[in-house]
Amino acid sequence: MARSRSTRRRRRGRFSFLLKFFCFALVLGAMVAALTMFFKADVIIVEGNTRYTDEQVIEASGLQVGDNLYLMNKYAHAQKIFQKLPYVESAAINRKLPDTLLIEVYECAAAAAVPGQNGTWLMSVNGKLLEQTETLPENCARVIGCLLLDPAESGDAAVAEEQAYKLEALKALLRAAEEKRMLADMETIDLGDDSCLQFTYAGRFSVKLPWNADISYKLESLATVADYLELNETGTINLMTDGKASFIPE
């Protein structure tokens, strides 16, 4: 008798579990169906673009009107924009209920022209390669003393392993100069000297600083010295010593 009651309890337990699982699957299916039926993109908006048209950005993203707002992978679509449009530094896709997808792009400009194995390449401050060129755009520094390896549009700048520290210093210099609005005055950046990083500045100065320098601080020192000197003075600004900048006139 006891064995029969125990068997009935196990059967009721199994039935209860199956019923709960069936209800859960039913609810989940209803939710997926609702997402598929009701949350579709009727509008795609693009913001932040100046170089590329809305149509170019949308085409690069692979998004289409009618795509589901929740079932699509917005990060994968943003990555497509980054890869297909060289002058896009980053992109983000956000949902705006009930029926809108918002694509926000952040474009970049050429900060430096760097020699590669197959010609000169324009590069952003973060090291993204933009395009191959024969002419330098305005406010773009020319880099010498290094060679890009296997450059390609939308790829990351890469150099030989033993030169990697120089590339990192170059990017740090470009970022700091952009932040301090000094980038437009940089003309030629020389990475060829193992003892120091050198660049010409404002058409008047040759600047030297250590490879491992606090570049943001060194640029502040450069600006201070340049502002102190007379407009007709030219020469070398040496920032190789910690806490000290010296000017050597021509």
Protein backbone atom coordinates (compact mmCIF):
# COMPACT_ATOMS: atom_id res chain seq x y z
CA MET A 1 0.00 0.00 0.00
CA ALA A 2 2.77 2.44 0.95
CA ARG A 3 4.64 1.55 -2.24
CA SER A 4 1.54 2.41 -4.34
CA ARG A 5 1.16 5.85 -2.68
CA SER A 6 4.87 6.55 -3.28
CA THR A 7 4.48 5.67 -6.98
CA ARG A 8 1.48 8.00 -7.32
CA ARG A 9 3.47 10.86 -5.70
CA ARG A 10 6.34 10.40 -8.18
CA ARG A 11 3.91 10.43 -11.09
CA ARG A 12 2.24 13.60 -9.82
CA GLY A 13 5.68 15.18 -9.39
CA ARG A 14 6.68 14.35 -12.94
CA PHE A 15 3.39 15.68 -14.29
CA SER A 16 3.78 18.92 -12.30
CA PHE A 17 7.29 19.45 -13.68
CA LEU A 18 6.14 18.81 -17.26
CA LEU A 19 3.23 21.19 -16.81
CA LYS A 20 5.50 23.94 -15.48
CA PHE A 21 7.98 23.39 -18.31
CA PHE A 22 5.17 23.52 -20.88
CA CYS A 23 3.81 26.76 -19.42
CA PHE A 24 7.28 28.30 -19.40
CA ALA A 25 7.85 27.31 -23.03
CA LEU A 26 4.43 28.71 -23.95
CA VAL A 27 5.15 32.05 -22.29
CA LEU A 28 8.62 32.23 -23.85
CA GLY A 29 7.20 31.48 -27.29
CA ALA A 30 4.56 34.16 -26.84
CA MET A 31 7.24 36.69 -25.88
CA VAL A 32 9.39 35.83 -28.92
CA ALA A 33 6.33 36.06 -31.17
CA ALA A 34 5.45 39.46 -29.70
CA LEU A 35 9.00 40.72 -30.24
CA THR A 36 8.94 39.47 -33.82
CA MET A 37 5.53 40.90 -34.65
CA PHE A 38 5.49 44.24 -32.89
CA PHE A 39 9.04 45.58 -32.37
CA LYS A 40 10.18 46.28 -35.91
CA ALA A 41 12.28 49.20 -37.12
CA ASP A 42 10.21 51.54 -39.26
CA VAL A 43 12.73 54.41 -39.01
CA ILE A 44 16.55 54.44 -39.08
CA ILE A 45 18.21 57.71 -38.05
CA VAL A 46 21.90 58.57 -38.45
CA GLU A 47 23.65 61.23 -36.34
CA GLY A 48 27.23 62.53 -36.15
CA ASN A 49 28.10 61.98 -39.82
CA THR A 50 29.60 64.69 -42.01
CA ARG A 51 31.91 62.83 -44.38
CA TYR A 52 29.46 60.03 -45.15
CA THR A 53 25.80 60.31 -46.11
CA ASP A 54 23.02 58.71 -44.08
CA GLU A 55 22.56 56.19 -46.87
CA GLN A 56 26.24 55.19 -46.83
CA VAL A 57 26.20 54.65 -43.06
CA ILE A 58 22.98 52.61 -43.15
CA GLU A 59 24.25 50.49 -46.05
CA ALA A 60 27.54 49.84 -44.24
CA SER A 61 25.66 48.79 -41.08
CA GLY A 62 23.61 46.18 -42.90
CA LEU A 63 20.45 47.38 -41.12
CA GLN A 64 17.15 47.54 -42.97
CA VAL A 65 13.69 48.88 -42.29
CA GLY A 66 11.69 45.97 -40.91
CA ASP A 67 14.54 44.54 -38.82
CA ASN A 68 13.52 43.52 -35.34
CA LEU A 69 14.63 45.99 -32.67
CA TYR A 70 15.53 43.32 -30.14
CA LEU A 71 16.54 40.26 -32.10
CA MET A 72 19.28 41.98 -34.13
CA ASN A 73 22.87 42.21 -32.80
CA LYS A 74 23.47 45.95 -32.61
CA TYR A 75 27.16 45.53 -31.71
CA ALA A 76 27.86 43.45 -34.80
CA HIS A 77 26.17 46.05 -37.01
CA ALA A 78 28.19 48.86 -35.37
CA GLN A 79 31.39 46.92 -36.05
CA LYS A 80 30.43 46.65 -39.72
CA ILE A 81 30.27 50.45 -39.93
CA PHE A 82 33.72 50.75 -38.34
CA GLN A 83 35.21 48.25 -40.77
CA LYS A 84 33.59 49.49 -43.98
CA LEU A 85 33.90 53.25 -43.44
CA PRO A 86 37.54 54.15 -42.70
CA TYR A 87 36.80 57.64 -41.36
CA VAL A 88 34.46 56.34 -38.67
CA GLU A 89 36.38 55.99 -35.40
CA SER A 90 33.48 54.33 -33.59
CA ALA A 91 29.75 53.74 -33.95
CA ALA A 92 26.88 52.96 -31.61
CA ILE A 93 23.37 51.72 -32.33
CA ASN A 94 20.51 52.39 -29.90
CA ARG A 95 16.84 51.49 -29.87
CA LYS A 96 14.24 54.24 -29.52
CA LEU A 97 10.85 52.73 -28.91
CA PRO A 98 8.46 52.11 -30.42
CA ASP A 99 9.97 51.79 -33.93
CA THR A 100 13.29 53.61 -34.36
CA LEU A 101 16.96 52.65 -34.61
CA LEU A 102 19.47 55.44 -33.94
CA ILE A 103 22.97 55.10 -35.42
CA GLU A 104 25.51 57.45 -33.84
CA VAL A 105 28.83 57.67 -35.64
CA TYR A 106 32.00 59.39 -34.46
CA GLU A 107 34.17 60.36 -37.39
CA CYS A 108 37.90 60.98 -37.30
CA ALA A 109 40.34 63.03 -39.33
CA ALA A 110 43.81 62.35 -40.66
CA ALA A 111 46.33 63.30 -37.97
CA ALA A 112 49.50 61.90 -39.56
CA ALA A 113 50.79 60.56 -42.86
CA VAL A 114 52.88 57.44 -42.27
CA PRO A 115 55.03 55.58 -44.84
CA GLY A 116 54.04 52.00 -45.56
CA GLN A 117 55.33 49.17 -47.71
CA ASN A 118 53.15 50.29 -50.60
CA GLY A 119 53.00 54.08 -50.18
CA THR A 120 51.94 56.70 -47.66
CA TRP A 121 48.93 56.14 -45.42
CA LEU A 122 46.78 58.60 -43.49
CA MET A 123 46.26 57.65 -39.86
CA SER A 124 43.94 58.85 -37.09
CA VAL A 125 45.18 59.83 -33.62
CA ASN A 126 44.23 56.34 -32.39
CA GLY A 127 46.13 54.52 -35.12
CA LYS A 128 43.30 53.64 -37.51
CA LEU A 129 44.47 53.66 -41.12
CA LEU A 130 42.17 55.80 -43.26
CA GLU A 131 43.42 55.67 -46.84
CA GLN A 132 46.50 55.64 -49.03
CA THR A 133 47.48 59.06 -50.35
CA GLU A 134 50.01 60.98 -52.41
CA THR A 135 49.17 64.40 -50.93
CA LEU A 136 48.90 65.53 -47.33
CA PRO A 137 45.63 67.10 -46.17
CA GLU A 138 45.66 70.27 -44.11
CA ASN A 139 46.81 69.98 -40.46
CA CYS A 140 48.35 66.57 -41.01
CA ALA A 141 51.88 65.81 -39.81
CA ARG A 142 54.32 63.84 -41.97
CA VAL A 143 55.96 60.92 -40.16
CA ILE A 144 59.42 59.65 -41.08
CA GLY A 145 61.71 57.01 -39.61
CA CYS A 146 59.28 54.06 -39.52
CA LEU A 147 57.48 51.73 -41.93
CA LEU A 148 53.97 50.33 -41.62
CA LEU A 149 53.56 46.59 -42.07
CA ASP A 150 50.71 45.28 -44.27
CA PRO A 151 48.65 48.51 -44.14
CA ALA A 152 44.99 48.37 -45.19
CA GLU A 153 41.97 50.67 -45.00
CA SER A 154 40.23 50.56 -41.60
CA GLY A 155 43.07 48.44 -40.22
CA ASP A 156 45.22 49.26 -37.20
CA ALA A 157 48.67 50.68 -37.81
CA ALA A 158 51.38 48.09 -37.18
CA VAL A 159 55.18 48.18 -37.34
CA ALA A 160 58.00 45.74 -36.68
CA GLU A 161 58.00 44.43 -33.11
CA GLU A 162 61.19 46.25 -32.18
CA GLN A 163 59.61 49.54 -33.32
CA ALA A 164 56.30 49.05 -31.47
CA TYR A 165 57.23 51.47 -28.67
CA LYS A 166 57.78 54.19 -31.25
CA LEU A 167 54.32 53.70 -32.72
CA GLU A 168 52.76 53.89 -29.26
CA ALA A 169 54.68 57.09 -28.53
CA LEU A 170 53.52 58.53 -31.87
CA LYS A 171 49.86 57.84 -31.06
CA ALA A 172 50.27 59.31 -27.57
CA LEU A 173 51.85 62.42 -29.09
CA LEU A 174 49.02 62.82 -31.62
CA ARG A 175 46.30 62.35 -29.01
CA ALA A 176 47.87 64.82 -26.58
CA ALA A 177 48.49 67.37 -29.34
CA GLU A 178 44.89 67.10 -30.50
CA GLU A 179 43.60 67.53 -26.96
CA LYS A 180 45.74 70.65 -26.47
CA ARG A 181 44.93 71.99 -29.95
CA MET A 182 48.59 71.86 -30.98
CA LEU A 183 48.26 69.23 -33.71
CA ALA A 184 47.85 71.74 -36.55
CA ASP A 185 51.31 73.18 -35.75
CA MET A 186 53.13 69.86 -35.98
CA GLU A 187 54.83 69.40 -39.34
CA THR A 188 57.32 66.50 -39.44
CA ILE A 189 57.56 63.81 -36.77
CA ASP A 190 60.83 61.86 -36.83
CA LEU A 191 60.80 58.36 -35.31
CA GLY A 192 64.19 57.38 -36.69
CA ASP A 193 66.38 58.33 -33.73
CA ASP A 194 66.49 55.65 -31.02
CA SER A 195 67.59 58.21 -28.43
CA CYS A 196 64.63 60.59 -28.67
CA LEU A 197 61.38 61.52 -30.36
CA GLN A 198 61.69 64.62 -32.54
CA PHE A 199 59.27 66.86 -34.42
CA THR A 200 59.15 70.28 -36.00
CA TYR A 201 56.66 72.74 -34.59
CA ALA A 202 55.03 75.99 -35.73
CA GLY A 203 57.49 76.41 -38.58
CA ARG A 204 60.09 77.69 -36.11
CA PHE A 205 61.21 74.97 -33.74
CA SER A 206 62.77 71.52 -33.67
CA VAL A 207 61.56 69.72 -30.55
CA LYS A 208 63.21 66.79 -28.75
CA LEU A 209 61.70 64.67 -25.97
CA PRO A 210 62.33 61.20 -24.46
CA TRP A 211 60.46 58.16 -25.77
CA ASN A 212 59.08 57.37 -22.32
CA ALA A 213 58.08 60.96 -21.50
CA ASP A 214 54.83 62.18 -20.02
CA ILE A 215 53.91 63.64 -23.38
CA SER A 216 50.98 65.73 -22.17
CA TYR A 217 53.22 67.44 -19.62
CA LYS A 218 56.01 67.93 -22.18
CA LEU A 219 53.62 69.61 -24.61
CA GLU A 220 52.57 72.02 -21.88
CA SER A 221 56.24 72.91 -21.41
CA LEU A 222 56.63 73.35 -25.16
CA ALA A 223 53.67 75.73 -25.31
CA THR A 224 55.07 77.75 -22.40
CA VAL A 225 58.48 78.13 -24.04
CA ALA A 226 57.02 78.94 -27.47
CA ASP A 227 54.78 81.64 -25.99
CA TYR A 228 57.71 83.18 -24.13
CA LEU A 229 59.96 83.52 -27.17
CA GLU A 230 59.73 86.30 -29.73
CA LEU A 231 57.96 85.53 -32.98
CA ASN A 232 61.18 85.84 -34.99
CA GLU A 233 63.17 83.41 -32.81
CA THR A 234 63.85 79.94 -34.17
CA GLY A 235 65.85 76.99 -32.92
CA THR A 236 65.66 73.78 -30.89
CA ILE A 237 63.49 73.27 -27.81
CA ASN A 238 65.05 70.49 -25.77
CA LEU A 239 62.61 68.67 -23.46
CA MET A 240 64.91 65.75 -22.70
CA THR A 241 65.47 66.70 -19.04
CA ASP A 242 62.77 66.17 -16.41
CA GLY A 243 61.23 69.40 -15.20
CA LYS A 244 63.34 71.56 -17.48
CA ALA A 245 63.03 72.91 -21.01
CA SER A 246 65.88 74.63 -22.77
CA PHE A 247 65.96 76.68 -25.96
CA ILE A 248 68.95 76.57 -28.31
CA PRO A 249 68.65 79.34 -30.89
CA GLU A 250 69.76 78.76 -34.46
